[in-house]
Each structure stands twice: as C-alpha cells, then as structure tokens.
C-alpha atoms as a PDB file:
ATOM      1  CA  MET A   1     -12.938   7.905  31.400  1.00  0.00           C
ATOM      2  CA  ARG A   2     -11.019   4.689  32.888  1.00  0.00           C
ATOM      3  CA  THR A   3     -12.469   1.612  32.407  1.00  0.00           C
ATOM      4  CA  SER A   4     -12.433  -0.965  35.275  1.00  0.00           C
ATOM      5  CA  ARG A   5     -10.098  -3.505  35.267  1.00  0.00           C
ATOM      6  CA  THR A   6     -13.421  -6.836  34.975  1.00  0.00           C
ATOM      7  CA  SER A   7     -13.639  -4.460  31.890  1.00  0.00           C
ATOM      8  CA  PRO A   8      -9.808  -4.570  29.413  1.00  0.00           C
ATOM      9  CA  GLY A   9     -12.340  -2.835  26.979  1.00  0.00           C
ATOM     10  CA  ILE A  10     -10.351  -2.351  23.785  1.00  0.00           C
ATOM     11  CA  PRO A  11      -6.754  -2.320  23.287  1.00  0.00           C
ATOM     12  CA  PRO A  12      -4.301   0.425  22.397  1.00  0.00           C
ATOM     13  CA  GLY A  13      -3.204  -1.858  19.909  1.00  0.00           C
ATOM     14  CA  ILE A  14      -6.478  -2.075  17.356  1.00  0.00           C
ATOM     15  CA  TRP A  15      -6.267   2.219  18.104  1.00  0.00           C
ATOM     16  CA  LEU A  16      -2.340   2.082  17.440  1.00  0.00           C
ATOM     17  CA  ALA A  17      -3.593  -0.761  14.399  1.00  0.00           C
ATOM     18  CA  ILE A  18      -6.248   2.766  13.057  1.00  0.00           C
ATOM     19  CA  LEU A  19      -4.083   4.870  13.558  1.00  0.00           C
ATOM     20  CA  PHE A  20      -1.195   4.039  10.950  1.00  0.00           C
ATOM     21  CA  ALA A  21      -4.157   2.046   8.355  1.00  0.00           C
ATOM     22  CA  ALA A  22      -5.520   5.720   8.486  1.00  0.00           C
ATOM     23  CA  LEU A  23      -1.733   6.667   8.195  1.00  0.00           C
ATOM     24  CA  VAL A  24      -0.826   4.835   4.907  1.00  0.00           C
ATOM     25  CA  SER A  25      -4.897   5.532   3.059  1.00  0.00           C
ATOM     26  CA  LEU A  26      -3.450   8.818   3.684  1.00  0.00           C
ATOM     27  CA  MET A  27      -0.756   8.132   2.028  1.00  0.00           C
ATOM     28  CA  LEU A  28      -2.036   5.168  -0.574  1.00  0.00           C
ATOM     29  CA  TRP A  29      -4.399   8.077  -1.634  1.00  0.00           C
ATOM     30  CA  ALA A  30      -1.843  10.722  -2.411  1.00  0.00           C
ATOM     31  CA  SER A  31       0.400   8.017  -4.223  1.00  0.00           C
ATOM     32  CA  PHE A  32      -1.682   9.124  -6.901  1.00  0.00           C
ATOM     33  CA  SER A  33      -0.640  12.061  -7.479  1.00  0.00           C
ATOM     34  CA  LEU A  34       2.709   9.939  -8.424  1.00  0.00           C
ATOM     35  CA  SER A  35       3.517   9.588 -12.172  1.00  0.00           C
ATOM     36  CA  HIS A  36       3.335   6.494 -13.648  1.00  0.00           C
ATOM     37  CA  ASN A  37       6.889   5.199 -13.048  1.00  0.00           C
ATOM     38  CA  SER A  38       7.608   6.770  -9.586  1.00  0.00           C
ATOM     39  CA  ALA A  39       3.389   5.277  -8.358  1.00  0.00           C
ATOM     40  CA  TRP A  40       4.574   1.847  -8.212  1.00  0.00           C
ATOM     41  CA  MET A  41       6.338   0.925  -5.741  1.00  0.00           C
ATOM     42  CA  PRO A  42       5.181   3.606  -3.210  1.00  0.00           C
ATOM     43  CA  ARG A  43       1.615   1.996  -3.939  1.00  0.00           C
ATOM     44  CA  TRP A  44       3.112  -1.960  -3.817  1.00  0.00           C
ATOM     45  CA  VAL A  45       4.517  -1.152  -0.601  1.00  0.00           C
ATOM     46  CA  LEU A  46       1.366   0.908   0.539  1.00  0.00           C
ATOM     47  CA  ALA A  47      -1.001  -1.039  -0.200  1.00  0.00           C
ATOM     48  CA  ILE A  48       1.179  -4.277   1.646  1.00  0.00           C
ATOM     49  CA  THR A  49       1.494  -2.450   4.368  1.00  0.00           C
ATOM     50  CA  LEU A  50      -2.455  -1.549   4.365  1.00  0.00           C
ATOM     51  CA  GLY A  51      -3.118  -5.198   3.712  1.00  0.00           C
ATOM     52  CA  LEU A  52      -0.782  -6.239   7.266  1.00  0.00           C
ATOM     53  CA  LEU A  53      -2.611  -3.965   9.101  1.00  0.00           C
ATOM     54  CA  LEU A  54      -5.944  -5.238   8.958  1.00  0.00           C
ATOM     55  CA  LEU A  55      -4.780  -8.597   9.308  1.00  0.00           C
ATOM     56  CA  GLN A  56      -3.364  -6.605  12.500  1.00  0.00           C
ATOM     57  CA  MET A  57      -6.217  -4.668  13.768  1.00  0.00           C
ATOM     58  CA  ALA A  58      -8.196  -8.722  12.491  1.00  0.00           C
ATOM     59  CA  ALA A  59      -5.701 -10.396  14.677  1.00  0.00           C
ATOM     60  CA  GLU A  60      -6.570  -7.606  18.061  1.00  0.00           C
ATOM     61  CA  LEU A  61     -10.128  -7.640  17.775  1.00  0.00           C
ATOM     62  CA  TRP A  62      -9.975 -11.799  17.439  1.00  0.00           C
ATOM     63  CA  ALA A  63      -7.996 -11.741  21.348  1.00  0.00           C
ATOM     64  CA  LEU A  64     -10.241  -9.200  22.100  1.00  0.00           C
ATOM     65  CA  GLY A  65     -13.358 -11.918  21.861  1.00  0.00           C
ATOM     66  CA  LYS A  66     -11.621 -13.843  23.759  1.00  0.00           C
ATOM     67  CA  SER A  67     -12.792 -14.198  28.116  1.00  0.00           C
ATOM     68  CA  ALA A  68     -12.132 -11.739  30.314  1.00  0.00           C
ATOM     69  CA  VAL A  69      -9.928 -13.789  32.712  1.00  0.00           C
ATOM     70  CA  GLN A  70      -7.426 -14.376  30.101  1.00  0.00           C
ATOM     71  CA  ASN A  71      -7.151 -10.568  29.948  1.00  0.00           C
ATOM     72  CA  ARG A  72      -6.162  -9.449  32.958  1.00  0.00           C
ATOM     73  CA  SER A  73      -3.171 -12.434  33.587  1.00  0.00           C
ATOM     74  CA  PRO A  74      -0.317 -11.022  34.559  1.00  0.00           C
ATOM     75  CA  ALA A  75       1.044 -11.175  30.658  1.00  0.00           C
ATOM     76  CA  ALA A  76      -1.140  -8.404  29.880  1.00  0.00           C
ATOM     77  CA  GLU A  77      -0.476  -6.084  32.474  1.00  0.00           C
ATOM     78  CA  GLY A  78       2.946  -5.341  31.495  1.00  0.00           C
ATOM     79  CA  TRP A  79       0.089  -5.201  27.525  1.00  0.00           C
ATOM     80  CA  GLY A  80       0.247  -1.330  27.382  1.00  0.00           C
ATOM     81  CA  ALA A  81       4.143  -1.127  27.480  1.00  0.00           C
ATOM     82  CA  ARG A  82       5.254  -2.808  25.702  1.00  0.00           C
ATOM     83  CA  THR A  83       2.782  -1.215  22.887  1.00  0.00           C
ATOM     84  CA  VAL A  84       4.190   2.764  24.073  1.00  0.00           C
ATOM     85  CA  ALA A  85       7.467   1.295  23.005  1.00  0.00           C
ATOM     86  CA  ALA A  86       6.672  -0.104  19.889  1.00  0.00           C
ATOM     87  CA  THR A  87       4.986   2.979  19.376  1.00  0.00           C
ATOM     88  CA  ILE A  88       7.832   5.129  19.809  1.00  0.00           C
ATOM     89  CA  TRP A  89      10.412   1.888  17.886  1.00  0.00           C
ATOM     90  CA  VAL A  90       8.153   3.226  15.336  1.00  0.00           C
ATOM     91  CA  GLY A  91       8.535   6.323  15.564  1.00  0.00           C
ATOM     92  CA  ALA A  92      12.084   7.064  15.075  1.00  0.00           C
ATOM     93  CA  LEU A  93      12.692   4.442  13.349  1.00  0.00           C
ATOM     94  CA  LEU A  94      10.361   7.754  10.688  1.00  0.00           C
ATOM     95  CA  LEU A  95      12.099  10.637  12.274  1.00  0.00           C
ATOM     96  CA  LEU A  96      15.188   9.278  11.048  1.00  0.00           C
ATOM     97  CA  THR A  97      14.432   8.261   7.603  1.00  0.00           C
ATOM     98  CA  TRP A  98      12.363  11.452   7.024  1.00  0.00           C
ATOM     99  CA  THR A  99      15.918  13.397   8.904  1.00  0.00           C
ATOM    100  CA  LEU A 100      18.368  11.226   7.288  1.00  0.00           C
ATOM    101  CA  GLY A 101      16.942   9.110   4.372  1.00  0.00           C
ATOM    102  CA  SER A 102      16.229   5.665   3.417  1.00  0.00           C
ATOM    103  CA  ALA A 103      19.147   3.688   3.666  1.00  0.00           C
ATOM    104  CA  ALA A 104      21.167   4.999   6.474  1.00  0.00           C
ATOM    105  CA  GLY A 105      18.078   5.820   8.763  1.00  0.00           C
ATOM    106  CA  GLY A 106      17.471   2.521   8.094  1.00  0.00           C
ATOM    107  CA  VAL A 107      20.985   1.560   9.160  1.00  0.00           C
ATOM    108  CA  VAL A 108      21.181   2.947  12.785  1.00  0.00           C
ATOM    109  CA  PHE A 109      17.817   2.505  12.851  1.00  0.00           C
ATOM    110  CA  CYS A 110      18.854  -1.399  12.712  1.00  0.00           C
ATOM    111  CA  CYS A 111      21.181  -0.642  14.864  1.00  0.00           C
ATOM    112  CA  ALA A 112      19.509   0.857  17.528  1.00  0.00           C
ATOM    113  CA  TRP A 113      16.794  -1.579  17.441  1.00  0.00           C
ATOM    114  CA  LEU A 114      19.019  -4.551  18.100  1.00  0.00           C
ATOM    115  CA  ARG A 115      21.162  -2.772  21.286  1.00  0.00           C
ATOM    116  CA  GLY A 116      19.020  -1.042  22.336  1.00  0.00           C
ATOM    117  CA  HIS A 117      15.236  -3.349  21.891  1.00  0.00           C
ATOM    118  CA  ALA A 118      16.423  -6.730  21.536  1.00  0.00           C
ATOM    119  CA  GLY A 119      19.842  -6.781  23.381  1.00  0.00           C
ATOM    120  CA  GLU A 120      22.796  -7.596  21.180  1.00  0.00           C
ATOM    121  CA  ARG A 121      26.435  -7.177  21.718  1.00  0.00           C
ATOM    122  CA  TRP A 122      27.683  -3.886  19.901  1.00  0.00           C
ATOM    123  CA  PHE A 123      29.736  -5.711  16.998  1.00  0.00           C
ATOM    124  CA  ILE A 124      26.587  -8.125  16.357  1.00  0.00           C
ATOM    125  CA  SER A 125      24.509  -4.425  15.177  1.00  0.00           C
ATOM    126  CA  ILE A 126      26.828  -2.880  13.046  1.00  0.00           C
ATOM    127  CA  VAL A 127      27.625  -5.577  11.513  1.00  0.00           C
ATOM    128  CA  PHE A 128      23.617  -6.410  10.735  1.00  0.00           C
ATOM    129  CA  ALA A 129      23.051  -2.526  10.458  1.00  0.00           C
ATOM    130  CA  ALA A 130      25.841  -2.535   7.794  1.00  0.00           C
ATOM    131  CA  MET A 131      24.012  -5.334   5.729  1.00  0.00           C
ATOM    132  CA  LEU A 132      21.456  -3.715   5.877  1.00  0.00           C
ATOM    133  CA  GLY A 133      22.857  -0.557   4.566  1.00  0.00           C
ATOM    134  CA  ILE A 134      24.436  -3.237   1.418  1.00  0.00           C
ATOM    135  CA  ALA A 135      21.927  -4.646   0.754  1.00  0.00           C
ATOM    136  CA  LEU A 136      19.362  -1.743   0.147  1.00  0.00           C
ATOM    137  CA  TRP A 137      21.829  -0.184  -1.502  1.00  0.00           C
ATOM    138  CA  LEU A 138      22.469  -2.836  -3.614  1.00  0.00           C
ATOM    139  CA  LEU A 139      18.416  -3.920  -4.576  1.00  0.00           C
ATOM    140  CA  PHE A 140      18.185  -0.322  -4.659  1.00  0.00           C
ATOM    141  CA  THR A 141      20.119   1.420  -6.465  1.00  0.00           C
ATOM    142  CA  ALA A 142      22.575  -0.367  -7.945  1.00  0.00           C
ATOM    143  CA  PHE A 143      20.108  -3.976  -9.935  1.00  0.00           C
ATOM    144  CA  LEU A 144      16.728  -1.432  -9.456  1.00  0.00           C
ATOM    145  CA  GLY A 145      18.123   2.131 -10.615  1.00  0.00           C
ATOM    146  CA  VAL A 146      16.341   3.800  -8.142  1.00  0.00           C
ATOM    147  CA  GLY A 147      16.424   6.456  -6.223  1.00  0.00           C
ATOM    148  CA  LEU A 148      16.147   5.486  -2.379  1.00  0.00           C
ATOM    149  CA  TYR A 149      14.967   9.100  -0.410  1.00  0.00           C
ATOM    150  CA  PRO A 150      17.803  11.211   0.741  1.00  0.00           C
ATOM    151  CA  GLY A 151      16.384  12.650   3.584  1.00  0.00           C
ATOM    152  CA  VAL A 152      16.024  16.206   4.428  1.00  0.00           C
ATOM    153  CA  LEU A 153      19.547  16.656   6.116  1.00  0.00           C
ATOM    154  CA  LEU A 154      21.017  15.719   3.310  1.00  0.00           C
ATOM    155  CA  THR A 155      19.142  17.918   0.732  1.00  0.00           C
ATOM    156  CA  PHE A 156      19.695  21.054   3.174  1.00  0.00           C
ATOM    157  CA  LEU A 157      23.157  20.100   2.835  1.00  0.00           C
ATOM    158  CA  SER A 158      23.141  19.296  -0.451  1.00  0.00           C
ATOM    159  CA  GLY A 159      21.446  22.828  -0.716  1.00  0.00           C
ATOM    160  CA  ILE A 160      24.042  24.864   1.359  1.00  0.00           C
ATOM    161  CA  ALA A 161      27.402  23.014  -0.360  1.00  0.00           C
ATOM    162  CA  SER A 162      26.071  24.303  -3.548  1.00  0.00           C
ATOM    163  CA  ARG A 163      26.066  28.129  -3.184  1.00  0.00           C
END
C-alpha cells in the first residue's frame, strides 16, 4: 500500500537502520560463542556500531516529527534514491569484505567509492585506498598482532594450492 504525498509515512532510512541493528545484534550475540581472546574486538566494534545505529534511528525519528511541509521539499523527494544508493554501497562493502577479506576488500571498496561516488580523480582514489591498506596492515597485523579476515577467495585459493 502506498502512502499519500501528504502523509510521508516512515522513511526508508528507519527501516534500513532497524535491519542493520537486528543484524548487528545477532552478530553481537554470536560473538559470545568465541573464545575470550578472539571475542573482545568483535564485541567492541559491534557494540559501538549498535550504539551508532540506535542514534541514527533516534535522529530519523526526530526528523520524522518535523512538519509535513519540510518533508515535501524537493530535497526529500530524492531521499529514497539516496537511501537505495547507500544500501548498494554498504552491500558492496560487505560483499567485497566477504570475498576478498578485510584488508583487500576495504582497499578495493575505498578506491571504488572515492572514484564512483565521491567523484575523486583516479590518483587520489588509489593513493587513499593504498593508505587505508597500509593503515589496516600496520594497526592490526604489525601493532596488535591480530590477523584480519582473509576472505573466501584467499581461503579457497590457499586450499587449492595446498593440495
């Protein structure tokens, strides 16, 4: 059922935040099955992410309480398209991280987002993506000694190479 133009209904951003909050809550719950040594990092990251999602939902609900005149502005008309685009970019980040791993997926995503969405030049996109890769490696591998998620592609290829 469609909402009328005079009644803005619930913005899609709230539904997206609720969906992500449910996903993060499930991941946080699953982190309690990990050992104590490997569980601290996911728990902190997921707890902070859940807090930020709850703040985002509160901000969306606060914005929903504004007058209907503001909600019918031309800026609000393109709001659904921006939400869909943001959802696609988040899905791309998750897919790249799952496939290529945390470091490589983050680097490829950073370069693609800077070039494709932000409209930066290739040089800037590649330099910032490389800086992200170096920072991830230095922080997690060199300083903390924590291995990053390798991704299913690297796991698959290492399984083939070890045969």
